[in-house]
Amino acid sequence: ACVRRAIEVALVREAQDDEVAHGLALIDELETTEGMSPGRSLELYCLFLLNLNEFSYLD
């Protein structure tokens, strides 16, 4: 639920199921391979979302 909501807030559109699955996989990988806490891995995922080209706004 957090991943879906993060996508929707950051990108101002409905999250696609494959995007949510990718986000969950990335968070799981950060927790298992890097030993990050769930909160820290979600925080890094949110930073990832903010760095997507789709998020960028050019005037």
C-alpha atoms as a PDB file:
ATOM      1  CA  ALA A   1       0.000   0.000   0.000  1.00  0.00           C
ATOM      2  CA  CYS A   2       2.857   2.402   0.760  1.00  0.00           C
ATOM      3  CA  VAL A   3       4.518   1.829  -2.605  1.00  0.00           C
ATOM      4  CA  ARG A   4       1.283   2.364  -4.526  1.00  0.00           C
ATOM      5  CA  ARG A   5       0.542   5.543  -2.586  1.00  0.00           C
ATOM      6  CA  ALA A   6       4.097   6.860  -3.041  1.00  0.00           C
ATOM      7  CA  ILE A   7       3.825   6.435  -6.809  1.00  0.00           C
ATOM      8  CA  GLU A   8       0.433   8.127  -6.890  1.00  0.00           C
ATOM      9  CA  VAL A   9       1.600  11.087  -4.808  1.00  0.00           C
ATOM     10  CA  ALA A  10       4.909  11.587  -6.628  1.00  0.00           C
ATOM     11  CA  LEU A  11       3.644  11.118 -10.172  1.00  0.00           C
ATOM     12  CA  VAL A  12       0.068  12.394  -9.711  1.00  0.00           C
ATOM     13  CA  ARG A  13      -1.481   9.434 -11.495  1.00  0.00           C
ATOM     14  CA  GLU A  14      -2.707   5.941 -10.750  1.00  0.00           C
ATOM     15  CA  ALA A  15       0.065   3.437 -10.089  1.00  0.00           C
ATOM     16  CA  GLN A  16       0.355   0.509 -12.486  1.00  0.00           C
ATOM     17  CA  ASP A  17       0.559  -2.997 -11.012  1.00  0.00           C
ATOM     18  CA  ASP A  18       3.968  -3.645 -12.597  1.00  0.00           C
ATOM     19  CA  GLU A  19       5.342  -0.429 -11.077  1.00  0.00           C
ATOM     20  CA  VAL A  20       4.138  -1.488  -7.641  1.00  0.00           C
ATOM     21  CA  ALA A  21       5.675  -4.951  -8.099  1.00  0.00           C
ATOM     22  CA  HIS A  22       8.980  -3.380  -9.173  1.00  0.00           C
ATOM     23  CA  GLY A  23       8.930  -1.059  -6.167  1.00  0.00           C
ATOM     24  CA  LEU A  24       8.236  -3.891  -3.749  1.00  0.00           C
ATOM     25  CA  ALA A  25      11.036  -5.957  -5.293  1.00  0.00           C
ATOM     26  CA  LEU A  26      13.479  -3.061  -4.998  1.00  0.00           C
ATOM     27  CA  ILE A  27      12.551  -2.436  -1.370  1.00  0.00           C
ATOM     28  CA  ASP A  28      12.886  -6.148  -0.585  1.00  0.00           C
ATOM     29  CA  GLU A  29      16.304  -6.238  -2.238  1.00  0.00           C
ATOM     30  CA  LEU A  30      17.498  -3.230  -0.236  1.00  0.00           C
ATOM     31  CA  GLU A  31      16.362  -4.910   2.968  1.00  0.00           C
ATOM     32  CA  THR A  32      17.837  -8.346   2.230  1.00  0.00           C
ATOM     33  CA  THR A  33      21.079  -7.556   0.409  1.00  0.00           C
ATOM     34  CA  GLU A  34      21.924  -4.200   1.983  1.00  0.00           C
ATOM     35  CA  GLY A  35      20.481  -4.888   5.440  1.00  0.00           C
ATOM     36  CA  MET A  36      18.386  -1.717   5.450  1.00  0.00           C
ATOM     37  CA  SER A  37      15.420  -1.227   7.714  1.00  0.00           C
ATOM     38  CA  PRO A  38      11.961  -1.167   6.106  1.00  0.00           C
ATOM     39  CA  GLY A  39      11.688   2.568   6.775  1.00  0.00           C
ATOM     40  CA  ARG A  40      15.053   3.388   5.218  1.00  0.00           C
ATOM     41  CA  SER A  41      14.409   1.239   2.151  1.00  0.00           C
ATOM     42  CA  LEU A  42      11.031   2.945   1.599  1.00  0.00           C
ATOM     43  CA  GLU A  43      12.710   6.332   2.024  1.00  0.00           C
ATOM     44  CA  LEU A  44      15.244   5.488  -0.689  1.00  0.00           C
ATOM     45  CA  TYR A  45      12.460   4.246  -2.952  1.00  0.00           C
ATOM     46  CA  CYS A  46      10.685   7.588  -2.551  1.00  0.00           C
ATOM     47  CA  LEU A  47      13.901   9.393  -3.509  1.00  0.00           C
ATOM     48  CA  PHE A  48      14.091   7.110  -6.552  1.00  0.00           C
ATOM     49  CA  LEU A  49      10.580   8.216  -7.549  1.00  0.00           C
ATOM     50  CA  LEU A  50      11.532  11.874  -7.257  1.00  0.00           C
ATOM     51  CA  ASN A  51      14.445  11.298  -9.632  1.00  0.00           C
ATOM     52  CA  LEU A  52      12.353   9.760 -12.406  1.00  0.00           C
ATOM     53  CA  ASN A  53      12.135  11.743 -15.641  1.00  0.00           C
ATOM     54  CA  GLU A  54       8.354  11.523 -15.324  1.00  0.00           C
ATOM     55  CA  PHE A  55       8.524  13.552 -12.114  1.00  0.00           C
ATOM     56  CA  SER A  56      10.694  16.312 -13.608  1.00  0.00           C
ATOM     57  CA  TYR A  57       8.963  19.536 -14.531  1.00  0.00           C
ATOM     58  CA  LEU A  58      10.459  21.848 -17.101  1.00  0.00           C
ATOM     59  CA  ASP A  59       9.127  25.327 -17.636  1.00  0.00           C
END
